[in-house]
Protein backbone atom coordinates (compact mmCIF):
# COMPACT_ATOMS: atom_id res chain seq x y z
CA MET A 1 23.15 -23.83 -40.63
CA GLY A 2 22.42 -21.99 -37.43
CA GLN A 3 21.94 -23.33 -34.19
CA GLU A 4 18.75 -22.93 -32.43
CA ILE A 5 18.49 -19.91 -29.95
CA GLU A 6 17.02 -18.73 -26.48
CA VAL A 7 14.90 -15.29 -27.08
CA ILE A 8 15.22 -12.65 -24.34
CA HIS A 9 12.16 -9.89 -24.72
CA SER A 10 13.20 -6.58 -23.37
CA TRP A 11 9.91 -4.27 -23.04
CA SER A 12 9.91 -0.82 -22.30
CA ALA A 13 8.51 2.62 -22.99
CA PRO A 14 10.81 4.92 -25.14
CA ARG A 15 13.79 6.94 -23.33
CA SER A 16 13.92 4.49 -20.83
CA LEU A 17 17.49 3.37 -20.76
CA SER A 18 16.63 0.37 -23.27
CA THR A 19 19.52 1.20 -25.53
CA SER A 20 22.07 1.32 -22.72
CA LEU A 21 20.89 -1.87 -21.52
CA MET A 22 20.84 -3.17 -24.88
CA TYR A 23 24.17 -2.14 -25.56
CA SER A 24 24.90 -3.86 -21.81
CA PHE A 25 23.91 -7.23 -23.33
CA ALA A 26 25.79 -6.76 -26.38
CA GLN A 27 28.81 -7.32 -24.66
CA ARG A 28 28.45 -10.40 -23.60
CA ASP A 29 30.13 -13.66 -25.70
CA ASP A 30 26.86 -15.69 -25.57
CA ILE A 31 24.53 -13.19 -26.98
CA GLU A 32 23.20 -11.25 -29.98
CA VAL A 33 20.91 -8.09 -29.89
CA LEU A 34 18.07 -7.13 -32.11
CA ASP A 35 17.30 -3.27 -32.05
CA GLU A 36 13.57 -3.07 -31.79
CA PRO A 37 13.11 -5.11 -34.83
CA LEU A 38 9.12 -4.57 -34.76
CA TYR A 39 9.55 -1.25 -35.71
CA ALA A 40 8.94 -1.40 -39.23
CA ASN A 41 5.79 -3.24 -38.06
CA PHE A 42 4.81 -0.31 -36.20
CA LEU A 43 5.13 2.34 -38.73
CA ARG A 44 3.60 0.32 -41.54
CA VAL A 45 0.12 -0.55 -39.35
CA THR A 46 -0.30 3.10 -37.35
CA GLY A 47 1.31 5.30 -40.18
CA VAL A 48 2.84 7.45 -37.47
CA GLU A 49 5.08 9.70 -39.43
CA ARG A 50 9.04 9.86 -38.23
CA PRO A 51 12.14 11.37 -39.49
CA TYR A 52 13.37 8.39 -41.05
CA ARG A 53 10.28 6.53 -42.10
CA GLU A 54 10.67 5.88 -45.41
CA GLU A 55 14.18 5.09 -44.97
CA LEU A 56 13.03 2.57 -42.30
CA LEU A 57 10.29 0.94 -44.52
CA SER A 58 12.47 0.49 -47.19
CA THR A 59 15.32 -1.19 -45.30
CA MET A 60 13.39 -3.14 -42.84
CA GLU A 61 11.06 -6.05 -42.77
CA SER A 62 7.86 -4.70 -42.15
CA ASP A 63 5.96 -7.75 -42.14
CA GLY A 64 5.11 -8.22 -38.06
CA ASN A 65 4.88 -11.75 -38.00
CA LYS A 66 7.63 -13.05 -41.08
CA VAL A 67 9.75 -10.39 -38.35
CA VAL A 68 8.65 -12.62 -35.34
CA ARG A 69 8.81 -16.21 -37.15
CA GLU A 70 12.10 -15.18 -39.19
CA VAL A 71 13.85 -12.78 -37.23
CA ILE A 72 13.19 -12.78 -33.63
CA PHE A 73 13.02 -16.48 -33.41
CA GLY A 74 15.05 -17.38 -36.35
CA SER A 75 18.27 -19.32 -35.88
CA GLY A 76 21.44 -17.84 -34.87
CA GLY A 77 25.02 -18.40 -33.95
CA LYS A 78 24.83 -17.61 -30.22
CA LYS A 79 23.19 -19.24 -27.33
CA TYR A 80 20.84 -16.29 -26.46
CA ARG A 81 19.08 -13.53 -28.63
CA TYR A 82 18.39 -10.20 -27.03
CA CYS A 83 15.59 -8.28 -28.33
CA LYS A 84 14.82 -4.75 -27.39
CA HIS A 85 11.10 -4.03 -27.87
CA ILE A 86 9.51 -0.71 -27.35
CA ALA A 87 5.87 -1.51 -25.87
CA LYS A 88 3.90 0.54 -28.21
CA GLN A 89 5.32 -1.34 -31.17
CA ARG A 90 3.13 -4.43 -30.12
CA VAL A 91 0.36 -3.78 -32.64
CA THR A 92 -2.80 -5.97 -33.66
CA GLY A 93 -2.11 -8.64 -35.40
CA LEU A 94 0.97 -9.89 -34.61
CA THR A 95 1.08 -14.04 -33.87
CA ASN A 96 0.65 -15.15 -30.01
CA ASP A 97 4.18 -16.97 -30.45
CA LEU A 98 5.59 -13.56 -29.42
CA MET A 99 4.32 -13.22 -26.24
CA LYS A 100 4.43 -17.11 -25.40
CA LYS A 101 7.85 -17.83 -26.55
CA GLY A 102 11.12 -17.05 -24.85
CA LYS A 103 12.10 -14.95 -21.55
CA HIS A 104 10.37 -11.67 -21.14
CA PHE A 105 10.97 -8.63 -18.73
CA ILE A 106 10.19 -5.25 -18.29
CA LEU A 107 11.74 -2.07 -18.03
CA ILE A 108 10.28 1.09 -16.00
CA ARG A 109 11.74 4.33 -15.87
CA ASN A 110 9.64 7.51 -14.46
CA PRO A 111 7.92 9.40 -17.02
CA ILE A 112 8.98 12.74 -14.73
CA ASP A 113 12.40 11.47 -16.01
CA ILE A 114 11.14 10.57 -19.57
CA LEU A 115 9.26 13.16 -20.38
CA PRO A 116 11.33 16.44 -20.56
CA SER A 117 13.48 14.80 -23.08
CA PHE A 118 11.00 13.20 -25.22
CA GLY A 119 9.84 15.91 -27.66
CA LYS A 120 13.19 16.15 -29.12
CA VAL A 121 12.34 14.12 -32.08
CA VAL A 122 8.80 13.43 -31.67
CA PRO A 123 5.57 15.14 -29.95
CA PRO A 124 4.62 13.82 -26.42
CA SER A 125 1.66 11.99 -25.97
CA PHE A 126 -0.16 9.46 -24.06
CA ASN A 127 0.07 6.87 -27.21
CA GLU A 128 3.68 7.58 -27.99
CA LEU A 129 4.80 7.29 -24.52
CA GLY A 130 3.20 3.73 -24.17
CA LEU A 131 2.84 3.07 -20.73
CA ALA A 132 -0.48 2.03 -20.62
CA GLY A 133 0.53 -0.96 -23.13
CA LEU A 134 3.63 -1.52 -20.93
CA ALA A 135 1.10 -2.03 -18.24
CA SER A 136 -1.06 -4.26 -20.45
CA ILE A 137 2.20 -6.68 -21.31
CA TYR A 138 2.85 -7.17 -17.77
CA SER A 139 -0.78 -7.87 -16.66
CA GLU A 140 -0.81 -10.43 -20.13
CA LEU A 141 2.18 -12.15 -19.04
CA CYS A 142 0.96 -12.92 -15.57
CA GLU A 143 -2.14 -14.15 -16.87
CA SER A 144 -0.43 -16.43 -18.80
CA GLY A 145 1.43 -17.58 -15.75
CA LYS A 146 4.90 -16.28 -16.21
CA PRO A 147 4.88 -12.86 -14.56
CA PRO A 148 7.90 -10.89 -15.85
CA PRO A 149 10.41 -9.75 -13.63
CA VAL A 150 10.33 -5.97 -13.73
CA ILE A 151 13.53 -3.62 -13.27
CA ASP A 152 13.71 0.12 -12.35
CA ALA A 153 16.19 2.14 -14.75
CA SER A 154 16.98 4.20 -11.18
CA GLU A 155 18.32 0.99 -9.74
CA LEU A 156 20.26 0.25 -13.01
CA GLN A 157 21.85 3.99 -12.66
CA GLU A 158 22.32 3.49 -8.50
CA ASP A 159 24.10 -0.16 -8.83
CA PRO A 160 24.44 -1.14 -12.40
CA GLU A 161 26.24 -4.63 -11.04
CA ALA A 162 23.68 -5.35 -8.69
CA SER A 163 20.60 -4.75 -10.92
CA LEU A 164 22.34 -6.55 -13.51
CA ARG A 165 23.23 -9.46 -11.49
CA GLY A 166 19.72 -9.56 -10.07
CA LEU A 167 18.24 -9.21 -13.60
CA CYS A 168 20.67 -12.29 -14.88
CA GLU A 169 19.17 -14.36 -12.04
CA ASP A 170 16.11 -13.61 -13.00
CA LEU A 171 16.45 -14.35 -16.28
CA GLY A 172 18.46 -17.90 -15.57
CA ILE A 173 21.71 -16.86 -17.41
CA PRO A 174 24.85 -16.36 -15.90
CA PHE A 175 26.15 -12.39 -14.95
CA GLN A 176 29.09 -11.29 -16.96
CA ALA A 177 31.32 -8.45 -15.84
CA ALA A 178 31.48 -7.18 -19.27
CA MET A 179 28.27 -6.07 -19.16
CA LEU A 180 29.03 -3.00 -16.94
CA LYS A 181 31.33 -0.98 -19.68
CA TRP A 182 30.93 -0.59 -23.76
CA GLU A 183 32.98 1.59 -25.84
CA ALA A 184 31.65 5.07 -26.83
CA GLY A 185 30.39 5.89 -30.56
CA PRO A 186 28.03 4.36 -32.70
CA LYS A 187 27.44 0.55 -32.69
CA SER A 188 26.79 -2.30 -35.25
CA VAL A 189 23.25 -2.89 -33.95
CA ASP A 190 21.95 0.54 -33.63
CA GLY A 191 18.84 0.63 -35.82
CA ILE A 192 18.78 3.53 -38.47
CA TRP A 193 16.66 6.00 -36.29
CA ALA A 194 20.05 6.09 -33.86
CA PRO A 195 21.27 9.49 -35.04
CA TRP A 196 17.66 11.17 -33.72
CA TRP A 197 17.62 9.31 -30.55
CA TYR A 198 20.90 7.83 -29.48
CA LYS A 199 23.06 11.16 -28.99
CA SER A 200 23.59 10.90 -25.34
CA VAL A 201 23.97 7.07 -24.99
CA HIS A 202 26.74 7.18 -27.92
CA ASN A 203 28.60 9.57 -25.87
CA SER A 204 28.15 7.06 -22.78
CA THR A 205 30.71 4.18 -21.84
CA GLY A 206 28.33 2.63 -18.83
CA PHE A 207 25.41 3.21 -17.14
CA THR A 208 25.78 6.75 -15.24
CA PRO A 209 24.06 8.05 -12.21
CA ALA A 210 21.09 10.05 -12.60
CA LYS A 211 21.14 13.86 -11.92
CA LYS A 212 21.03 14.60 -8.39
CA TYR A 213 19.42 17.96 -9.17
CA PRO A 214 17.52 17.36 -12.35
CA SER A 215 15.69 19.91 -14.47
CA PRO A 216 12.31 21.72 -13.36
CA PHE A 217 9.82 19.64 -14.79
CA PRO A 218 7.98 21.64 -17.92
CA SER A 219 4.43 22.62 -16.44
CA SER A 220 3.09 21.91 -20.31
CA LEU A 221 3.81 17.85 -19.60
CA TYR A 222 1.71 17.62 -16.19
CA ASP A 223 -1.06 16.30 -17.54
CA LEU A 224 0.67 14.05 -19.41
CA LEU A 225 2.24 13.05 -16.66
CA ASP A 226 -0.80 12.88 -14.32
CA GLN A 227 -2.04 10.74 -16.75
CA SER A 228 0.73 8.13 -17.13
CA LEU A 229 1.96 7.77 -13.60
CA PRO A 230 -0.41 5.22 -12.57
CA PHE A 231 0.97 2.86 -15.00
CA PHE A 232 4.33 3.12 -13.66
CA ASN A 233 3.42 3.46 -10.20
CA MET A 234 1.26 -0.02 -11.03
CA LEU A 235 4.31 -1.75 -12.50
CA LYS A 236 6.85 -0.19 -10.10
CA ARG A 237 5.03 -2.52 -7.24
CA HIS A 238 6.04 -5.49 -8.87
CA ALA A 239 9.84 -3.91 -9.70
CA ARG A 240 13.23 -5.83 -7.85
CA LYS A 241 14.31 -3.49 -5.30
CA MET A 242 17.93 -3.22 -3.78
CA SER A 243 18.36 -2.65 -0.18
CA ASP A 244 21.36 -0.32 0.87
CA ILE A 245 23.10 -2.87 2.57
CA GLY A 246 24.13 -6.13 0.85
CA ARG A 247 22.26 -5.47 -2.15
CA SER A 248 19.99 -7.96 -1.81
CA PRO A 249 16.30 -7.93 -2.71
CA VAL A 250 14.10 -6.10 -0.19
CA PRO A 251 10.99 -8.55 0.61
CA CYS A 252 7.33 -7.20 0.83
CA PRO A 253 6.26 -6.98 4.34
CA ASN A 254 4.13 -9.70 5.07
CA LEU A 255 0.48 -8.65 5.68
CA PRO A 256 -1.05 -10.11 9.60
CA VAL A 257 -3.74 -11.50 7.41
CA PRO A 258 -2.61 -12.52 3.66
CA ALA A 259 -6.38 -11.81 3.02
CA ASN A 260 -6.02 -8.55 2.99
CA GLU A 261 -3.80 -7.87 0.13
CA LYS A 262 -7.01 -8.28 -2.08
CA LEU A 263 -9.38 -6.03 -0.28
CA LEU A 264 -10.72 -2.65 -1.68
CA ALA A 265 -11.41 0.43 0.38
CA TRP A 266 -13.62 3.42 -0.46
CA VAL A 267 -11.72 6.88 -0.87
CA GLY A 268 -13.62 9.56 -1.61
CA ASP A 269 -16.04 9.07 -4.14
CA GLU A 270 -14.30 5.60 -5.74
CA ILE A 271 -13.62 1.90 -4.59
CA LEU A 272 -9.80 1.07 -4.95
CA PRO A 273 -7.59 -1.79 -4.79
CA ARG A 274 -5.68 -1.86 -1.46
CA ASN A 275 -2.12 -0.14 -2.94
CA SER A 276 -4.40 2.70 -4.76
CA ALA A 277 -6.13 3.69 -1.39
CA LYS A 278 -4.30 7.28 -1.20
CA VAL A 279 -5.26 10.62 0.02
CA SER A 280 -3.22 13.60 -1.53
CA VAL A 281 -0.21 14.74 0.40
CA PHE A 282 -2.36 18.38 0.34
CA ASP A 283 -5.42 16.83 1.82
CA SER A 284 -5.87 18.57 5.26
CA VAL A 285 -5.42 15.16 7.50
CA VAL A 286 -1.80 15.54 6.29
CA GLN A 287 -1.40 19.02 6.60
CA GLY A 288 -2.92 19.28 10.09
CA GLY A 289 -4.61 16.14 11.19
CA ASP A 290 -8.25 16.69 11.24
CA SER A 291 -9.80 13.62 10.74
CA VAL A 292 -12.43 11.58 12.45
CA TRP A 293 -12.92 8.17 12.59
CA GLU A 294 -14.60 4.83 13.96
CA GLY A 295 -13.93 1.32 14.17
CA LEU A 296 -17.01 -1.12 14.17
CA ARG A 297 -16.69 -4.83 14.65
CA ILE A 298 -18.86 -7.47 12.39
CA TYR A 299 -20.12 -10.70 13.97
CA LYS A 300 -21.89 -13.22 11.70
CA GLY A 301 -22.87 -10.44 9.06
CA LYS A 302 -24.14 -7.67 11.55
CA ILE A 303 -22.46 -4.55 12.41
CA PHE A 304 -22.37 -4.35 16.21
CA ARG A 305 -23.53 -1.01 17.64
CA LEU A 306 -23.56 0.31 14.21
CA GLU A 307 -25.79 3.70 15.19
CA GLU A 308 -23.51 4.45 18.68
CA HIS A 309 -20.68 4.82 16.55
CA LEU A 310 -22.16 7.03 13.85
CA ASP A 311 -23.51 9.33 16.67
CA ARG A 312 -20.13 9.54 17.92
CA LEU A 313 -18.69 9.96 14.56
CA PHE A 314 -21.04 12.87 13.84
CA ASP A 315 -20.87 14.37 17.44
CA SER A 316 -16.42 14.52 17.01
CA ALA A 317 -17.11 15.67 13.30
CA LYS A 318 -19.35 18.45 15.18
CA ALA A 319 -16.84 19.40 17.79
CA LEU A 320 -13.91 19.95 15.33
CA ALA A 321 -16.13 22.40 13.24
CA PHE A 322 -16.84 20.30 10.34
CA ASN A 323 -18.93 22.19 7.79
CA ASN A 324 -21.88 21.09 5.66
CA VAL A 325 -22.83 17.70 7.26
CA PRO A 326 -26.49 16.92 6.68
CA THR A 327 -26.32 13.54 6.38
CA ARG A 328 -24.86 10.32 7.47
CA GLU A 329 -23.30 10.04 3.80
CA GLU A 330 -21.66 13.58 3.87
CA VAL A 331 -19.28 15.35 6.14
CA THR A 332 -16.79 18.49 4.95
CA SER A 333 -13.55 19.12 7.08
CA GLY A 334 -10.68 21.21 7.64
CA MET A 335 -8.38 22.55 10.49
CA SER A 336 -10.39 26.28 9.92
CA PRO A 337 -13.61 25.52 7.57
CA ALA A 338 -12.19 28.17 5.57
CA PHE A 339 -9.39 26.37 4.52
CA ASN A 340 -11.04 23.46 2.81
CA LEU A 341 -11.62 24.02 -0.52
CA TYR A 342 -12.85 20.45 -1.76
CA GLY A 343 -14.94 19.01 0.94
CA CYS A 344 -14.27 16.05 3.04
CA THR A 345 -13.27 12.60 1.58
CA LEU A 346 -14.66 9.33 3.11
CA ILE A 347 -13.03 6.79 3.83
CA VAL A 348 -14.24 3.14 4.29
CA LEU A 349 -11.67 0.21 4.86
CA ALA A 350 -13.17 -3.46 5.39
CA GLU A 351 -10.18 -5.75 6.58
CA TRP A 352 -9.57 -9.01 8.29
CA LYS A 353 -7.88 -8.50 11.50
CA PRO A 354 -6.34 -11.25 13.92
CA ALA A 355 -7.25 -10.66 17.25
CA VAL A 356 -5.14 -7.94 19.35
CA TYR A 357 -5.36 -9.15 22.73
CA ASP A 358 -4.93 -12.64 24.08
CA ASN A 359 -8.86 -12.76 25.53
CA THR A 360 -8.26 -15.98 27.11
CA ARG A 361 -5.14 -16.26 29.24
CA GLY A 362 -4.76 -12.56 29.73
CA ILE A 363 -2.66 -9.11 29.13
CA ILE A 364 0.17 -7.30 30.81
CA LEU A 365 0.08 -3.76 31.59
CA VAL A 366 2.52 -0.90 32.65
CA THR A 367 1.91 2.30 33.87
CA ALA A 368 3.33 5.10 31.13
CA THR A 369 5.01 8.56 32.17
CA THR A 370 3.12 10.08 29.53
CA ARG A 371 -0.18 11.86 30.60
CA ARG A 372 -3.25 11.68 28.92
CA ASN A 373 -4.72 14.83 27.35
CA SER A 374 -6.53 16.94 29.28
CA PRO A 375 -9.56 18.68 28.20
CA ASN A 376 -8.04 22.20 28.41
CA ASN A 377 -5.93 20.69 25.40
CA LEU A 378 -7.45 18.26 23.72
CA ASP A 379 -10.90 16.71 24.45
CA SER A 380 -10.49 12.89 24.36
CA LYS A 381 -14.40 12.92 23.48
CA ILE A 382 -13.32 13.73 20.15
CA HIS A 383 -12.72 10.33 18.22
CA HIS A 384 -9.78 12.17 16.08
CA ASN A 385 -6.60 11.01 14.49
CA ASN A 386 -4.29 13.10 16.32
CA LEU A 387 -2.97 10.05 18.51
CA LEU A 388 0.53 10.93 19.11
CA ASN A 389 -0.43 10.82 22.65
CA ASN A 390 -1.45 7.69 22.73
CA ILE A 391 1.48 6.48 20.69
CA LEU A 392 3.94 7.81 23.03
CA ALA A 393 2.36 5.85 25.99
CA LYS A 394 2.04 2.65 23.78
CA ILE A 395 6.10 3.06 22.98
CA GLU A 396 6.75 2.91 26.73
CA GLY A 397 4.59 -0.27 26.77
CA ASN A 398 6.47 -1.63 24.19
CA ASN A 399 9.97 -0.91 25.61
CA ALA A 400 8.50 -2.39 28.53
CA LYS A 401 7.48 -5.68 26.51
CA ALA A 402 3.94 -5.24 27.65
CA ASP A 403 0.67 -5.72 26.13
CA ASP A 404 -0.33 -1.66 26.40
CA ALA A 405 0.10 0.60 28.92
CA ILE A 406 -2.09 2.48 31.46
CA MET A 407 -2.36 6.77 31.05
CA LEU A 408 -2.83 9.07 34.06
CA ASP A 409 -4.57 12.28 34.35
CA LYS A 410 -3.22 15.58 34.91
CA ASP A 411 -3.61 14.77 38.91
CA GLY A 412 -2.20 10.85 38.50
CA TYR A 413 -5.73 9.35 38.57
CA VAL A 414 -5.89 6.28 35.92
CA SER A 415 -8.02 7.38 32.74
CA GLU A 416 -7.25 4.59 30.19
CA THR A 417 -4.97 2.56 28.63
CA ASN A 418 -3.26 3.94 25.28
CA ALA A 419 -5.73 1.85 23.21
CA THR A 420 -8.84 1.08 25.42
CA ASN A 421 -11.02 2.17 28.48
CA ILE A 422 -10.24 0.16 31.70
CA PHE A 423 -12.72 -1.88 34.44
CA LEU A 424 -11.48 -2.88 38.08
CA VAL A 425 -13.38 -5.34 40.39
CA LYS A 426 -12.85 -5.13 44.27
CA LYS A 427 -15.05 -6.69 46.79
CA GLY A 428 -17.89 -7.44 43.99
CA ARG A 429 -17.86 -4.11 43.00
CA VAL A 430 -17.03 -2.93 39.14
CA VAL A 431 -15.14 0.37 39.20
CA THR A 432 -14.50 2.30 36.30
CA PRO A 433 -12.74 6.01 35.58
CA HIS A 434 -15.26 8.75 34.30
CA ALA A 435 -14.78 9.71 30.94
CA ASP A 436 -13.61 13.22 31.64
CA TYR A 437 -9.83 12.24 30.23
CA CYS A 438 -10.72 9.65 28.18
CA LEU A 439 -12.90 8.28 25.40
CA PRO A 440 -16.16 7.58 26.52
CA GLY A 441 -15.68 3.99 24.48
CA ILE A 442 -19.06 2.31 22.78
CA THR A 443 -17.73 -1.10 24.16
CA ARG A 444 -17.08 0.68 27.76
CA ALA A 445 -20.82 2.05 27.66
CA THR A 446 -21.89 -1.54 26.58
CA VAL A 447 -20.10 -3.31 29.03
CA MET A 448 -21.68 -1.18 31.78
CA GLU A 449 -25.13 -1.92 30.62
CA LEU A 450 -24.37 -5.33 30.58
CA VAL A 451 -22.72 -4.88 34.89
CA GLU A 452 -26.05 -3.54 35.79
CA ASN A 453 -27.98 -6.08 33.62
CA GLU A 454 -26.17 -8.51 36.06
CA LYS A 455 -26.98 -6.66 39.08
CA ILE A 456 -23.56 -5.93 39.67
CA ILE A 457 -22.91 -2.96 41.59
CA LEU A 458 -21.13 -0.29 39.05
CA GLU A 459 -19.30 2.87 40.01
CA GLU A 460 -18.17 5.64 38.03
CA ARG A 461 -15.46 7.90 39.73
CA ARG A 462 -12.17 8.93 39.96
CA VAL A 463 -9.91 6.00 40.69
CA SER A 464 -6.05 5.83 41.81
CA LEU A 465 -3.39 3.62 40.33
CA SER A 466 -2.85 1.68 43.64
CA GLU A 467 -6.65 0.32 43.01
CA PHE A 468 -5.78 -0.96 39.67
CA HIS A 469 -2.47 -2.64 41.82
CA THR A 470 -4.57 -3.93 44.40
CA ALA A 471 -7.84 -5.43 42.17
CA ASP A 472 -8.84 -8.53 42.77
CA GLU A 473 -9.84 -8.23 38.39
CA VAL A 474 -9.07 -6.00 35.81
CA TRP A 475 -10.10 -6.20 32.09
CA THR A 476 -9.85 -3.08 29.41
CA THR A 477 -12.33 -2.91 26.70
CA GLY A 478 -12.38 -2.08 22.91
CA THR A 479 -14.05 -2.45 19.78
CA MET A 480 -11.54 -4.54 18.54
CA GLY A 481 -10.40 -6.57 22.03
CA GLU A 482 -13.81 -6.79 23.27
CA LEU A 483 -13.16 -7.31 27.17
CA SER A 484 -9.52 -8.29 27.59
CA PRO A 485 -8.58 -9.86 30.77
CA VAL A 486 -5.66 -7.75 32.91
CA ILE A 487 -3.47 -10.22 34.68
CA GLN A 488 -0.40 -8.23 35.84
CA ILE A 489 0.18 -4.25 36.28
CA ASP A 490 3.73 -2.69 37.07
CA GLY A 491 4.79 -6.20 38.04
CA ARG A 492 2.21 -6.98 40.42
CA ILE A 493 -0.25 -9.74 40.33
CA ILE A 494 -3.93 -9.15 39.63
CA GLY A 495 -5.94 -11.08 41.78
CA GLU A 496 -4.81 -14.86 41.32
CA GLY A 497 -2.97 -14.19 37.72
CA ARG A 498 -5.89 -15.51 35.64
CA VAL A 499 -9.55 -14.52 34.11
CA GLY A 500 -11.69 -13.70 36.99
CA PRO A 501 -15.02 -15.00 37.61
CA VAL A 502 -16.41 -11.53 36.92
CA THR A 503 -14.61 -11.09 33.84
CA GLN A 504 -15.56 -14.67 32.69
CA ARG A 505 -19.35 -13.71 33.31
CA LEU A 506 -19.43 -10.49 31.36
CA GLN A 507 -17.39 -11.74 28.37
CA HIS A 508 -20.32 -14.35 27.88
CA ALA A 509 -22.85 -11.57 28.49
CA TYR A 510 -21.16 -9.66 25.51
CA LYS A 511 -20.69 -12.75 23.31
CA LEU A 512 -24.42 -13.38 23.60
CA LEU A 513 -25.22 -9.68 23.15
CA THR A 514 -22.96 -9.55 19.81
CA ASP A 515 -24.82 -12.84 18.45
CA GLU A 516 -28.29 -11.29 19.07
CA SER A 517 -27.72 -7.98 18.10
CA GLY A 518 -26.54 -5.66 15.37
CA VAL A 519 -27.25 -4.43 11.56
CA PHE A 520 -26.80 -6.68 9.01
CA MET A 521 -24.21 -5.52 6.27
CA PHE A 522 -26.39 -6.67 3.15
CA GLY A 523 -30.16 -5.84 4.12
CA ASN A 524 -32.45 -7.94 5.65
CA SER A 525 -31.24 -11.80 6.52
CA SER A 526 -32.34 -14.43 8.48
CA LYS A 527 -31.05 -17.85 10.11
CA GLY A 528 -30.75 -20.72 7.53
CA THR A 529 -29.31 -18.53 4.55
CA GLY A 530 -26.10 -20.03 5.07
CA GLU A 531 -22.88 -19.45 7.37
CA TRP A 532 -21.64 -15.77 7.62
CA LYS A 533 -17.80 -15.34 8.04
CA GLN A 534 -16.93 -13.18 10.47
CA TRP A 535 -15.39 -9.88 9.10
CA PRO A 536 -13.67 -8.34 12.18
CA GLU A 537 -13.34 -4.55 11.76
CA GLU A 538 -14.83 -1.91 9.29
CA GLU A 539 -13.27 1.68 9.58
CA ILE A 540 -14.88 4.60 8.59
CA SER A 541 -12.86 7.58 8.64
CA TRP A 542 -14.42 11.14 7.52
CA LYS A 543 -11.79 14.08 6.71
């Protein structure tokens, strides 16, 4: 009488190195393997044709639930039983025990590597490939509270030992070195379909590296590839990845705000989850960087200075000769308008963002050697996506361990920082550089209005760097940063090295303004309808 056995289920699409992996597990001394035990049931239920159909149905049990009960979960002579399953063979009518019992993992392979050899036995099709079913199996297991490990066939080919060790760890079984090699030729565990499908694996003695220069992909399979890739990419996001050094799993980067993991974004004409929010590599913003954008701040459910941001967005689009801009909902772009064949892409991204600067204690600035663009080269009044000029200055700031970097114009006067506009206070007067070499920011304009409302003298003129070094107070302004006090520039302490009285006064006035004004996100609202959560920023891009 056999003993109770622990079942390991491998789920994959065809041509995914699933037979090689089955051979690998068959080398263990504690495991027995089954090659597609549900195949006959699949043929009986679906009626699909195979060259070996009649032979298979006459020699293999075709009652799926009987197979699950007596073959897959029947008693055995080893500790483990490895079942190689093809995802499409999980058809309706099978008992839930198939998914509830045992340990499951998903084996994936890029359809660009599967499809060229697929048609040697059966014509390739979306259903025959079965990646949608594989994604469904993954989702169902996740919903049951047992998310399965996902292993990429390319990792198996690149480093078999590291991949197998990782898979064994995920399955809770010890790795055995015998899994790395097997004898060439047919195996006793092969299904009767092996002569049609297993020729290449019968010539192998282990996992072999992928071809460095694969054959050109057949154009006739392009549509099928296009249909299948989203399911592969979804599964690949959950696959165990190996680093180049140490062969340890590469952790996913932590988001500053975990809630952003589940955000939705509007791209083009559809709402997409974060991981699917992409633009084509052929898009003109990738090819030429022609895009304009706005970052909006939301306070208590209201978008602050919405109309001003939209005005600047449209002005920037016009300055870049974007065509067909009839409304605030539609724009067109292109490095040259004649090159744009498909019209614009509208992107709306709403996400939670932490504070960018410490507005209570203040920030530190240094002066960058990178000069701000001249209007002779690229007018800063266009709110575009070509930010290399700013990024180079920011790198200088990072290297100096500063929060941001001041950028000078071509004549050596202060223009702005790499990310914000800048103000100083000297003997009760507020001074800010004119906007010839800087972006005329929405927050900048708002603060200038507040300065005048507070009956403080305001000057907009050329300002030298030494004037900032010797100022009584300095602050920067931006949508995300609001009013950020500056306590040190290039090693010089500003004022008394803390937030000054004029800065505090204007910070308070700005907060009152954001509380009182703005456009509600969801139509009309009134006090008493409940607390609004603050949603710090929404970004709109047109390209």
